[in-house]
Amino acid sequence: MKVLVVDDDPVSRLILRRTLERGGFEVLEASDGLEGWELFQRHSEEIRLAVVDWVMPGIDGVELCRRVRSSASEQYVYVVLLSAKQEKRDIVTGLEAGADDYIGKPFEPAELISRMKVGLRIIALEQRLKELATTDPLTKVLNRRAIIERLREELHRAGREDEAVGVILLDIDHFKAVNDRYGHLEGDRVLAETAERLRGGLRKYDALGRYGGEEFLVVIPQPKGRTAEVAERLRCQIAATPYRLNKGPLALTISLGATEVQPPPFQGTDQGTEALLEEVLKRADAALYEAKEGGRNQVVFRGFAP
């Protein structure tokens, strides 16, 4: 776990680094608030803990806390403010600025490590709550709200960076018959295994979510014209091997509607993103309907210029 240490006193910074390293943490060091802020921005996806001195040149620890809290980082960062200030009003000021904890100088190494362990527990709890809020409990992929939010983010990003986004909406063919014949528990097993097989056909940074019932939505950043190819690979992932159910093997197929769009620049507004999101989902849904009407177990691709 990486800890950002920001302190303008080189001796104090050395003691902090050695203490944290002995506690099993990886340390990133900064000698003042501005350097700490720049370091945080470069490593925001890796830094989960920070120990920040209050009094520093450039920007002080309180301002650095405010900047960390107002940053766009999706990861929660547990911040410990370090200072010789002991007045209650000073402690309140630091906590209101976004610090999670407060340690007076000089500090006891054992106390610092204990506070870091508290931070780790808070981070683990935050991560668990985030997973519960965004994950479909049956299939362990993103839930409907989370996958739509991921699509919204990718459309916004692609509009800024002049990139495309691929979208695939897919449906398990004749899934109602599975529930009717084998029961809903076996149907749930089919949904969970389908999600696992689909994950096997995607890149690490592609997104998969349960759109509803037996429908799944796939969001592909930077598809480079390969959305239909990815959809065909997913179709083969499902059709290649029968599912093993209690009553015996069951061959299943999926139908897929795919589209690919290169958004125009949205110039910082959300209105264009929302309109395009609705249109992309409508286009993928129409392609899926066409695939099912055309006999199922196939991919229909419909690109468009927004």
Protein backbone atom coordinates (compact mmCIF):
# COMPACT_ATOMS: atom_id res chain seq x y z
CA MET A 1 0.00 0.00 0.00
CA LYS A 2 1.47 3.38 -1.03
CA VAL A 3 1.61 6.22 1.48
CA LEU A 4 2.24 9.83 0.45
CA VAL A 5 4.48 11.57 3.00
CA VAL A 6 4.63 15.38 2.76
CA ASP A 7 6.91 17.20 5.19
CA ASP A 8 9.37 20.06 4.62
CA ASP A 9 11.64 18.92 7.50
CA PRO A 10 14.09 16.37 6.04
CA VAL A 11 14.76 14.75 9.43
CA SER A 12 11.07 14.33 10.18
CA ARG A 13 10.50 13.02 6.64
CA LEU A 14 13.30 10.47 7.07
CA ILE A 15 11.82 9.22 10.36
CA LEU A 16 8.36 8.99 8.76
CA ARG A 17 9.69 7.03 5.80
CA ARG A 18 11.67 4.56 7.91
CA THR A 19 8.77 4.05 10.32
CA LEU A 20 6.28 3.42 7.54
CA GLU A 21 8.61 1.13 5.60
CA ARG A 22 9.16 -0.95 8.73
CA GLY A 23 5.39 -1.18 8.94
CA GLY A 24 5.25 -2.67 5.44
CA PHE A 25 4.20 0.45 3.52
CA GLU A 26 5.65 1.84 0.30
CA VAL A 27 6.44 5.54 0.66
CA LEU A 28 6.30 8.41 -1.82
CA GLU A 29 7.98 11.55 -0.44
CA ALA A 30 7.46 15.26 -1.06
CA SER A 31 9.33 18.12 0.58
CA ASP A 32 6.52 20.70 0.49
CA GLY A 33 2.80 21.05 -0.18
CA LEU A 34 3.08 21.92 -3.87
CA GLU A 35 5.36 18.98 -4.57
CA GLY A 36 2.99 16.78 -2.58
CA TRP A 37 0.02 17.93 -4.64
CA GLU A 38 1.87 17.30 -7.90
CA LEU A 39 2.94 13.86 -6.69
CA PHE A 40 -0.62 13.02 -5.67
CA GLN A 41 -1.97 14.03 -9.07
CA ARG A 42 0.57 11.79 -10.83
CA HIS A 43 -0.11 8.79 -8.58
CA SER A 44 -3.71 9.32 -7.51
CA GLU A 45 -4.74 5.79 -8.52
CA GLU A 46 -2.05 4.25 -6.29
CA ILE A 47 -2.04 6.48 -3.21
CA ARG A 48 -4.56 5.39 -0.57
CA LEU A 49 -2.91 6.87 2.56
CA ALA A 50 -1.23 10.20 3.23
CA VAL A 51 0.69 11.69 6.15
CA VAL A 52 0.80 15.46 5.73
CA ASP A 53 2.62 18.05 7.82
CA TRP A 54 0.56 21.14 8.62
CA VAL A 55 3.12 23.98 8.36
CA MET A 56 4.92 23.96 5.01
CA PRO A 57 5.99 26.45 2.33
CA GLY A 58 4.00 26.68 -0.89
CA ILE A 59 0.70 25.31 0.33
CA ASP A 60 0.21 24.06 3.88
CA GLY A 61 -1.16 20.71 4.96
CA VAL A 62 -4.71 21.99 5.45
CA GLU A 63 -4.87 23.29 1.88
CA LEU A 64 -3.38 20.05 0.59
CA CYS A 65 -6.13 18.14 2.43
CA ARG A 66 -8.75 20.32 0.73
CA ARG A 67 -7.23 19.69 -2.69
CA VAL A 68 -7.09 15.93 -2.16
CA ARG A 69 -10.74 15.90 -1.09
CA SER A 70 -11.83 18.00 -4.08
CA SER A 71 -9.81 15.97 -6.59
CA ALA A 72 -11.40 13.74 -9.20
CA SER A 73 -9.77 10.62 -7.75
CA GLU A 74 -12.21 7.70 -7.51
CA GLN A 75 -10.20 6.13 -4.67
CA TYR A 76 -10.71 7.29 -1.12
CA VAL A 77 -7.50 8.60 0.45
CA TYR A 78 -7.11 8.36 4.23
CA VAL A 79 -5.26 11.51 5.35
CA VAL A 80 -3.42 11.93 8.65
CA LEU A 81 -2.46 15.50 9.50
CA LEU A 82 0.81 15.88 11.41
CA SER A 83 1.45 19.01 13.47
CA ALA A 84 2.80 20.51 16.69
CA LYS A 85 -0.46 22.49 16.92
CA GLN A 86 -2.40 21.04 19.85
CA GLU A 87 -5.29 23.48 20.36
CA LYS A 88 -8.71 21.96 19.82
CA ARG A 89 -9.64 24.68 17.35
CA ASP A 90 -6.58 23.74 15.26
CA ILE A 91 -7.57 20.08 15.29
CA VAL A 92 -11.11 21.00 14.25
CA THR A 93 -9.74 23.14 11.41
CA GLY A 94 -7.68 20.22 10.12
CA LEU A 95 -10.55 17.73 10.33
CA GLU A 96 -12.95 20.14 8.61
CA ALA A 97 -10.43 20.56 5.81
CA GLY A 98 -10.69 16.85 5.07
CA ALA A 99 -8.16 15.15 7.34
CA ASP A 100 -9.31 11.81 8.75
CA ASP A 101 -6.98 11.79 11.74
CA TYR A 102 -4.53 13.99 13.59
CA ILE A 103 -1.18 13.21 15.23
CA GLY A 104 0.85 15.68 17.26
CA LYS A 105 4.57 16.24 16.82
CA PRO A 106 6.77 14.62 17.95
CA PHE A 107 4.95 11.38 17.19
CA GLU A 108 5.39 7.86 18.52
CA PRO A 109 6.25 5.41 15.68
CA ALA A 110 3.96 2.74 17.15
CA GLU A 111 1.07 5.22 17.25
CA LEU A 112 1.64 6.22 13.63
CA ILE A 113 1.56 2.59 12.46
CA SER A 114 -1.61 2.01 14.50
CA ARG A 115 -3.27 5.02 12.84
CA MET A 116 -2.22 3.69 9.44
CA LYS A 117 -3.84 0.34 10.25
CA VAL A 118 -7.04 2.18 11.14
CA GLY A 119 -6.81 3.85 7.74
CA LEU A 120 -6.45 0.48 6.04
CA ARG A 121 -9.60 -0.76 7.76
CA ILE A 122 -11.51 2.34 6.67
CA ILE A 123 -10.28 1.94 3.08
CA ALA A 124 -11.30 -1.73 3.04
CA LEU A 125 -14.77 -0.81 4.33
CA GLU A 126 -15.10 1.96 1.75
CA GLN A 127 -14.11 -0.45 -1.01
CA ARG A 128 -16.63 -3.02 0.18
CA LEU A 129 -19.44 -0.46 0.29
CA LYS A 130 -18.51 0.71 -3.19
CA GLU A 131 -18.63 -2.87 -4.48
CA LEU A 132 -22.05 -3.43 -2.92
CA ALA A 133 -23.35 -0.22 -4.52
CA THR A 134 -22.05 -0.96 -8.03
CA THR A 135 -22.00 -4.76 -8.37
CA ASP A 136 -24.81 -7.09 -9.38
CA PRO A 137 -24.91 -9.61 -6.50
CA LEU A 138 -25.69 -12.63 -8.70
CA THR A 139 -23.28 -12.24 -11.61
CA LYS A 140 -20.58 -10.17 -9.82
CA VAL A 141 -20.38 -7.76 -12.75
CA LEU A 142 -21.45 -4.10 -12.72
CA ASN A 143 -25.12 -3.48 -12.04
CA ARG A 144 -27.33 -1.50 -14.41
CA ARG A 145 -26.71 1.88 -12.80
CA ALA A 146 -22.94 1.34 -12.69
CA ILE A 147 -22.56 0.12 -16.28
CA ILE A 148 -24.60 3.05 -17.61
CA GLU A 149 -22.44 5.42 -15.56
CA ARG A 150 -19.35 3.76 -17.04
CA LEU A 151 -20.75 4.29 -20.54
CA ARG A 152 -21.45 7.93 -19.70
CA GLU A 153 -17.86 8.40 -18.49
CA GLU A 154 -16.41 6.75 -21.59
CA LEU A 155 -18.51 8.90 -23.94
CA HIS A 156 -17.36 12.01 -22.10
CA ARG A 157 -13.72 10.88 -22.21
CA ALA A 158 -13.91 9.94 -25.88
CA GLY A 159 -15.39 13.34 -26.70
CA ARG A 160 -12.44 15.03 -25.00
CA GLU A 161 -9.77 12.80 -26.50
CA ASP A 162 -11.18 12.32 -30.01
CA GLU A 163 -11.62 8.56 -29.52
CA ALA A 164 -14.41 6.09 -30.26
CA VAL A 165 -16.49 3.93 -27.90
CA GLY A 166 -17.87 0.49 -28.72
CA VAL A 167 -21.14 -0.74 -27.17
CA ILE A 168 -22.58 -4.26 -27.23
CA LEU A 169 -26.00 -5.21 -25.89
CA LEU A 170 -26.55 -8.96 -25.69
CA ASP A 171 -29.28 -11.32 -24.61
CA ILE A 172 -29.32 -15.05 -23.74
CA ASP A 173 -31.49 -16.79 -26.30
CA HIS A 174 -34.62 -18.54 -25.00
CA PHE A 175 -33.65 -17.92 -21.39
CA LYS A 176 -37.26 -18.12 -20.20
CA ALA A 177 -37.31 -21.75 -21.31
CA VAL A 178 -34.26 -22.42 -19.10
CA ASN A 179 -36.10 -21.12 -16.04
CA ASP A 180 -39.28 -23.00 -16.98
CA ARG A 181 -37.53 -26.32 -17.53
CA TYR A 182 -34.70 -26.26 -14.99
CA GLY A 183 -35.97 -23.81 -12.36
CA HIS A 184 -34.79 -20.38 -11.29
CA LEU A 185 -31.83 -21.62 -9.26
CA GLU A 186 -30.34 -23.26 -12.34
CA GLY A 187 -31.26 -20.16 -14.31
CA ASP A 188 -29.23 -18.11 -11.84
CA ARG A 189 -26.28 -20.45 -12.33
CA VAL A 190 -26.55 -19.90 -16.09
CA LEU A 191 -26.52 -16.12 -15.62
CA ALA A 192 -23.47 -16.27 -13.35
CA GLU A 193 -21.54 -18.56 -15.69
CA THR A 194 -22.50 -16.44 -18.69
CA ALA A 195 -21.02 -13.38 -16.99
CA GLU A 196 -17.82 -15.33 -16.27
CA ARG A 197 -17.50 -16.49 -19.87
CA LEU A 198 -18.10 -12.98 -21.18
CA ARG A 199 -15.37 -11.62 -18.91
CA GLY A 200 -13.00 -14.14 -20.48
CA GLY A 201 -13.54 -12.57 -23.90
CA LEU A 202 -12.88 -8.97 -22.84
CA ARG A 203 -9.84 -6.87 -22.08
CA LYS A 204 -9.11 -5.83 -18.51
CA TYR A 205 -10.26 -2.26 -19.12
CA ASP A 206 -13.46 -3.16 -21.00
CA ALA A 207 -16.59 -2.92 -18.84
CA LEU A 208 -19.29 -5.57 -18.44
CA GLY A 209 -22.58 -5.06 -16.65
CA ARG A 210 -25.91 -6.76 -16.17
CA TYR A 211 -28.35 -4.52 -18.00
CA GLY A 212 -31.45 -6.33 -16.77
CA GLY A 213 -32.78 -9.91 -16.59
CA GLU A 214 -30.72 -11.95 -19.03
CA GLU A 215 -29.32 -8.91 -20.86
CA PHE A 216 -25.72 -7.70 -20.51
CA LEU A 217 -24.10 -4.48 -21.68
CA VAL A 218 -20.45 -4.22 -22.74
CA VAL A 219 -18.57 -0.91 -23.02
CA ILE A 220 -15.35 -0.97 -25.04
CA PRO A 221 -13.00 2.03 -24.80
CA GLN A 222 -10.83 2.68 -27.88
CA PRO A 223 -12.30 -0.20 -29.93
CA LYS A 224 -10.33 0.77 -33.07
CA GLY A 225 -13.08 -0.53 -35.35
CA ARG A 226 -13.15 -3.96 -33.70
CA THR A 227 -16.49 -3.83 -31.84
CA ALA A 228 -18.18 -6.33 -34.17
CA GLU A 229 -15.16 -8.63 -33.88
CA VAL A 230 -15.34 -8.50 -30.08
CA ALA A 231 -19.07 -9.24 -30.22
CA GLU A 232 -18.45 -12.30 -32.38
CA ARG A 233 -15.80 -13.51 -29.96
CA LEU A 234 -18.28 -13.21 -27.10
CA ARG A 235 -20.88 -15.13 -29.11
CA CYS A 236 -18.38 -17.95 -29.58
CA GLN A 237 -17.45 -17.90 -25.87
CA ILE A 238 -21.04 -18.84 -25.04
CA ALA A 239 -21.85 -21.20 -27.90
CA ALA A 240 -18.63 -23.23 -27.81
CA THR A 241 -19.27 -25.21 -24.61
CA PRO A 242 -22.56 -26.53 -23.16
CA TYR A 243 -23.51 -25.48 -19.64
CA ARG A 244 -23.41 -28.29 -17.09
CA LEU A 245 -26.70 -28.28 -15.19
CA ASN A 246 -28.16 -30.77 -12.73
CA LYS A 247 -30.33 -32.32 -15.43
CA GLY A 248 -27.46 -32.59 -17.88
CA PRO A 249 -25.57 -30.42 -20.38
CA LEU A 250 -27.40 -27.52 -22.00
CA ALA A 251 -26.27 -25.73 -25.16
CA LEU A 252 -27.06 -22.02 -25.13
CA THR A 253 -26.48 -19.13 -27.48
CA ILE A 254 -26.64 -15.35 -27.30
CA SER A 255 -27.75 -12.62 -29.67
CA LEU A 256 -25.79 -9.38 -29.82
CA GLY A 257 -26.44 -5.87 -31.05
CA ALA A 258 -23.29 -3.79 -31.49
CA THR A 259 -22.50 -0.21 -32.37
CA GLU A 260 -19.50 2.10 -32.34
CA VAL A 261 -19.48 5.87 -32.04
CA GLN A 262 -16.93 8.66 -32.01
CA PRO A 263 -18.52 11.44 -29.94
CA PRO A 264 -18.10 15.08 -30.86
CA PRO A 265 -16.48 17.39 -28.28
CA PHE A 266 -19.04 18.19 -25.58
CA GLN A 267 -17.26 21.36 -24.45
CA GLY A 268 -17.70 20.56 -20.78
CA THR A 269 -21.49 20.20 -20.83
CA ASP A 270 -23.46 17.10 -19.84
CA GLN A 271 -26.39 17.66 -22.19
CA GLY A 272 -24.61 16.35 -25.26
CA THR A 273 -23.35 13.31 -23.36
CA GLU A 274 -26.83 12.36 -22.13
CA ALA A 275 -28.39 12.70 -25.57
CA LEU A 276 -25.66 10.59 -27.16
CA LEU A 277 -25.86 7.98 -24.39
CA GLU A 278 -29.57 7.55 -25.04
CA GLU A 279 -29.00 7.31 -28.78
CA VAL A 280 -26.18 4.76 -28.43
CA LEU A 281 -28.31 2.50 -26.22
CA LYS A 282 -31.23 2.85 -28.61
CA ARG A 283 -29.03 1.91 -31.56
CA ALA A 284 -27.56 -1.13 -29.77
CA ASP A 285 -31.05 -2.23 -28.69
CA ALA A 286 -32.36 -1.96 -32.25
CA ALA A 287 -29.41 -4.04 -33.50
CA LEU A 288 -30.09 -6.66 -30.82
CA TYR A 289 -33.74 -6.81 -31.82
CA GLU A 290 -32.67 -7.33 -35.42
CA ALA A 291 -30.33 -10.16 -34.39
CA LYS A 292 -33.11 -11.94 -32.51
CA GLU A 293 -35.63 -11.45 -35.27
CA GLY A 294 -33.09 -12.75 -37.78
CA GLY A 295 -32.81 -16.13 -36.08
CA ARG A 296 -30.74 -15.48 -32.92
CA ASN A 297 -27.16 -16.66 -32.20
CA GLN A 298 -25.69 -13.87 -34.30
CA VAL A 299 -24.18 -10.40 -34.20
CA VAL A 300 -25.77 -7.39 -35.85
CA PHE A 301 -23.57 -4.29 -36.05
CA ARG A 302 -25.01 -0.86 -36.67
CA GLY A 303 -22.57 2.04 -36.59
CA PHE A 304 -23.62 5.66 -36.91
CA ALA A 305 -22.38 9.21 -37.08
CA PRO A 306 -23.93 11.25 -34.24
